[in-house]
Amino acid sequence: MTAPPVRSELDLPLVATSLMKGVIYRDTHEQVWRHLLPLQSRLREYMSTIGLVPVIDEAEGYAFLRQRDDDAEGTDGARAGSAVPRLVARRSLSFHVSLLLALLRRRLAEFDATDAGSRLVLTREQIVAMLRVFLPSTSNEARLVDQVDQSITKVVELGFLRRVPGSDGAVEVRRILKAFVDAQWLADFDTRLAAYAAQLRHPDAAAEPEEGAQP
């Protein structure tokens, strides 16, 4: 059986449709990535017509689409002065998922500071230990672990974690997390933890809104 032909010409539709489906990574979308880099200018021009902005990090090896936010949004989901509707939905995350994202982002910053390598892999037990510090004490260990597993699953679905094949629950922290939880956010981390502690005392408080690009 002959192998499919290799694309030799730059393919803007391939890149655009791939990004519309979700985040693309250099290590898992090699063909799309090869087309993406030389097409950046054309891609930005094309996506601007539908109110989207490509975010491309060549150093970290990922790209995704973000909603253009330079115009106010109307009540019908469209931009003021524009007929372009919002294509990237706002998301409301639970307290536990927000807390896990914050802790993962801080852990990634610490990992990068040690120059320990390019991949941060955490075991399920390490994540449980990270969260346990900030969660109410409980004698029901199984319930705690189940709660952590649910949060991990949600973060995997969001694209900020990737399960490591063949491991017992280990996950890799995807570097795209840095684009959604930035340096300024980390600078305010202690203040945010105080807010998290307050929410623990009032668990029925509204969830923190988050905006993402379907990672």
Protein backbone atom coordinates (compact mmCIF):
# COMPACT_ATOMS: atom_id res chain seq x y z
CA MET A 1 0.00 0.00 0.00
CA THR A 2 1.48 3.35 -1.05
CA ALA A 3 1.81 6.17 1.44
CA PRO A 4 -0.38 9.27 0.94
CA PRO A 5 1.37 12.11 -0.89
CA VAL A 6 3.09 14.74 1.26
CA ARG A 7 1.69 18.26 0.89
CA SER A 8 4.31 20.48 -0.72
CA GLU A 9 2.31 23.71 -1.13
CA LEU A 10 1.31 25.89 1.81
CA ASP A 11 -2.26 25.09 2.80
CA LEU A 12 -4.11 27.92 4.57
CA PRO A 13 -7.45 26.03 4.76
CA LEU A 14 -5.67 23.13 6.50
CA VAL A 15 -4.26 25.46 9.15
CA ALA A 16 -7.47 27.46 9.59
CA THR A 17 -9.76 24.44 9.95
CA SER A 18 -7.32 22.72 12.32
CA LEU A 19 -7.25 25.76 14.60
CA MET A 20 -11.03 26.05 14.50
CA LYS A 21 -11.17 22.53 15.93
CA GLY A 22 -8.86 23.37 18.83
CA VAL A 23 -5.27 23.94 19.89
CA ILE A 24 -2.52 22.64 17.65
CA TYR A 25 0.82 21.53 19.03
CA ARG A 26 4.17 21.25 17.32
CA ASP A 27 4.78 17.77 18.70
CA THR A 28 1.39 16.27 17.86
CA HIS A 29 0.33 18.23 14.75
CA GLU A 30 3.60 18.24 12.83
CA GLN A 31 2.13 18.65 9.35
CA VAL A 32 -0.17 21.51 10.32
CA TRP A 33 2.65 23.20 12.26
CA ARG A 34 4.90 23.16 9.18
CA HIS A 35 2.22 25.02 7.21
CA LEU A 36 1.33 27.36 10.07
CA LEU A 37 4.66 29.12 10.57
CA PRO A 38 5.12 30.55 7.06
CA LEU A 39 1.41 31.38 6.82
CA GLN A 40 1.13 33.49 9.96
CA SER A 41 0.47 36.82 8.22
CA ARG A 42 -2.16 35.40 5.88
CA LEU A 43 -3.75 33.47 8.75
CA ARG A 44 -4.09 36.60 10.91
CA GLU A 45 -5.66 38.51 8.03
CA TYR A 46 -8.10 35.71 7.29
CA MET A 47 -9.12 35.12 10.91
CA SER A 48 -9.62 38.84 11.53
CA THR A 49 -12.63 38.74 9.20
CA ILE A 50 -14.44 36.50 11.68
CA GLY A 51 -13.26 38.27 14.83
CA LEU A 52 -10.55 35.80 15.84
CA VAL A 53 -6.87 36.31 16.60
CA PRO A 54 -4.31 33.50 16.20
CA VAL A 55 -2.02 33.16 19.21
CA ILE A 56 1.19 31.41 18.16
CA ASP A 57 4.02 30.60 20.54
CA GLU A 58 6.89 29.18 18.51
CA ALA A 59 9.14 28.75 21.55
CA GLU A 60 6.61 26.64 23.47
CA GLY A 61 5.20 24.99 20.38
CA TYR A 62 1.46 25.68 20.42
CA ALA A 63 -1.13 27.82 18.66
CA PHE A 64 -4.81 28.58 19.27
CA LEU A 65 -7.51 31.09 18.40
CA ARG A 66 -8.61 33.84 20.76
CA GLN A 67 -11.67 36.05 20.41
CA ARG A 68 -10.81 39.62 19.45
CA ASP A 69 -11.72 41.78 22.45
CA ASP A 70 -11.20 45.30 21.13
CA ASP A 71 -14.93 45.93 20.74
CA ALA A 72 -17.76 45.79 23.27
CA GLU A 73 -20.06 42.82 23.08
CA GLY A 74 -23.79 43.28 22.57
CA THR A 75 -26.57 41.43 24.35
CA ASP A 76 -27.03 39.12 21.39
CA GLY A 77 -23.41 37.94 21.53
CA ALA A 78 -22.29 40.13 18.62
CA ARG A 79 -19.62 42.82 18.77
CA ALA A 80 -20.76 46.43 18.88
CA GLY A 81 -20.32 48.00 15.46
CA SER A 82 -19.77 44.58 13.93
CA ALA A 83 -21.89 41.71 12.66
CA VAL A 84 -19.38 39.13 13.89
CA PRO A 85 -20.82 36.97 16.71
CA ARG A 86 -18.72 35.61 19.55
CA LEU A 87 -17.21 32.32 18.39
CA VAL A 88 -15.17 31.55 21.52
CA ALA A 89 -17.51 30.94 24.42
CA ARG A 90 -16.97 32.23 27.94
CA ARG A 91 -16.69 29.42 30.46
CA SER A 92 -17.60 29.27 34.11
CA LEU A 93 -15.22 27.03 36.05
CA SER A 94 -15.82 25.47 39.44
CA PHE A 95 -13.75 26.54 42.42
CA HIS A 96 -11.81 23.27 42.49
CA VAL A 97 -10.92 23.47 38.79
CA SER A 98 -9.87 27.14 39.15
CA LEU A 99 -7.71 26.24 42.14
CA LEU A 100 -6.10 23.33 40.31
CA LEU A 101 -5.28 25.56 37.32
CA ALA A 102 -3.69 28.13 39.64
CA LEU A 103 -1.56 25.52 41.39
CA LEU A 104 -0.51 23.92 38.12
CA ARG A 105 0.54 27.30 36.75
CA ARG A 106 2.65 28.06 39.82
CA ARG A 107 4.19 24.57 39.69
CA LEU A 108 5.05 25.12 36.01
CA ALA A 109 6.75 28.42 36.85
CA GLU A 110 8.80 26.74 39.60
CA PHE A 111 9.68 23.89 37.25
CA ASP A 112 10.89 26.28 34.56
CA ALA A 113 12.99 28.20 37.11
CA THR A 114 14.95 25.03 37.91
CA ASP A 115 15.63 24.35 34.22
CA ALA A 116 14.64 20.77 34.92
CA GLY A 117 13.54 20.01 31.36
CA SER A 118 10.76 20.75 28.93
CA ARG A 119 8.00 18.46 30.23
CA LEU A 120 6.38 18.77 33.63
CA VAL A 121 4.80 15.43 34.52
CA LEU A 122 2.88 15.00 37.79
CA THR A 123 1.48 11.88 39.36
CA ARG A 124 -2.04 11.69 40.67
CA GLU A 125 -0.65 11.52 44.21
CA GLN A 126 1.33 14.73 43.68
CA ILE A 127 -1.77 16.57 42.52
CA VAL A 128 -3.78 15.28 45.48
CA ALA A 129 -1.03 16.56 47.79
CA MET A 130 -1.04 19.97 46.06
CA LEU A 131 -4.79 20.40 46.52
CA ARG A 132 -5.04 18.90 50.00
CA VAL A 133 -3.34 21.95 51.51
CA PHE A 134 -6.18 24.20 50.41
CA LEU A 135 -9.17 21.90 50.87
CA PRO A 136 -11.10 21.30 54.11
CA SER A 137 -9.83 18.45 56.25
CA THR A 138 -11.72 15.22 55.76
CA SER A 139 -11.52 11.66 57.01
CA ASN A 140 -13.02 10.41 53.76
CA GLU A 141 -9.88 9.94 51.68
CA ALA A 142 -11.75 8.18 48.88
CA ARG A 143 -14.09 11.12 48.45
CA LEU A 144 -11.18 13.56 48.34
CA VAL A 145 -9.39 11.54 45.67
CA ASP A 146 -12.60 11.22 43.66
CA GLN A 147 -13.04 15.00 43.81
CA VAL A 148 -9.47 15.52 42.62
CA ASP A 149 -9.98 12.99 39.81
CA GLN A 150 -13.02 14.94 38.61
CA SER A 151 -11.01 18.17 38.57
CA ILE A 152 -8.15 16.50 36.69
CA THR A 153 -10.59 15.13 34.11
CA LYS A 154 -12.05 18.60 33.56
CA VAL A 155 -8.61 20.18 33.14
CA VAL A 156 -7.70 17.43 30.66
CA GLU A 157 -10.88 18.26 28.71
CA LEU A 158 -9.89 21.95 28.72
CA GLY A 159 -6.54 20.96 27.22
CA PHE A 160 -4.25 22.12 30.01
CA LEU A 161 -3.29 18.58 31.04
CA ARG A 162 -2.53 15.51 28.93
CA ARG A 163 -2.63 11.99 30.29
CA VAL A 164 0.63 10.07 29.98
CA PRO A 165 0.03 6.74 28.19
CA GLY A 166 1.02 3.65 30.13
CA SER A 167 1.23 5.45 33.47
CA ASP A 168 -0.91 5.06 36.55
CA GLY A 169 -2.71 8.39 36.41
CA ALA A 170 0.28 10.62 35.57
CA VAL A 171 -0.40 13.77 33.54
CA GLU A 172 1.71 16.26 31.62
CA VAL A 173 1.09 19.96 32.20
CA ARG A 174 0.61 21.55 28.78
CA ARG A 175 2.50 24.78 28.30
CA ILE A 176 -0.49 26.50 26.78
CA LEU A 177 -1.54 27.06 30.40
CA LYS A 178 0.98 29.94 30.44
CA ALA A 179 -1.08 31.80 27.84
CA PHE A 180 -4.25 31.64 29.96
CA VAL A 181 -2.72 32.16 33.41
CA ASP A 182 -0.15 34.90 32.79
CA ALA A 183 2.67 36.39 34.85
CA GLN A 184 0.49 39.17 36.27
CA TRP A 185 -2.02 36.57 37.42
CA LEU A 186 0.77 34.72 39.20
CA ALA A 187 1.91 37.95 40.87
CA ASP A 188 -1.53 38.18 42.47
CA PHE A 189 -1.54 34.51 43.44
CA ASP A 190 -1.54 35.02 47.22
CA THR A 191 -4.49 37.40 46.97
CA ARG A 192 -6.36 34.90 44.85
CA LEU A 193 -5.68 32.12 47.35
CA ALA A 194 -7.23 34.29 50.05
CA ALA A 195 -10.30 34.58 47.83
CA TYR A 196 -10.29 30.82 47.38
CA ALA A 197 -10.16 30.34 51.15
CA ALA A 198 -13.16 32.66 51.49
CA GLN A 199 -15.02 30.61 48.92
CA LEU A 200 -14.29 27.46 50.93
CA ARG A 201 -16.16 29.09 53.77
CA HIS A 202 -18.97 30.00 51.35
CA PRO A 203 -19.07 27.16 48.80
CA ASP A 204 -22.29 28.44 47.18
CA ALA A 205 -20.58 31.58 45.88
CA ALA A 206 -20.60 32.11 42.13
CA ALA A 207 -17.94 30.36 40.09
CA GLU A 208 -15.13 32.42 38.62
CA PRO A 209 -15.69 33.18 34.93
CA GLU A 210 -12.95 32.17 32.55
CA GLU A 211 -12.51 32.82 28.84
CA GLY A 212 -10.64 30.36 26.68
CA ALA A 213 -10.15 29.25 23.13
CA GLN A 214 -11.27 25.65 23.25
CA PRO A 215 -7.84 24.21 24.14
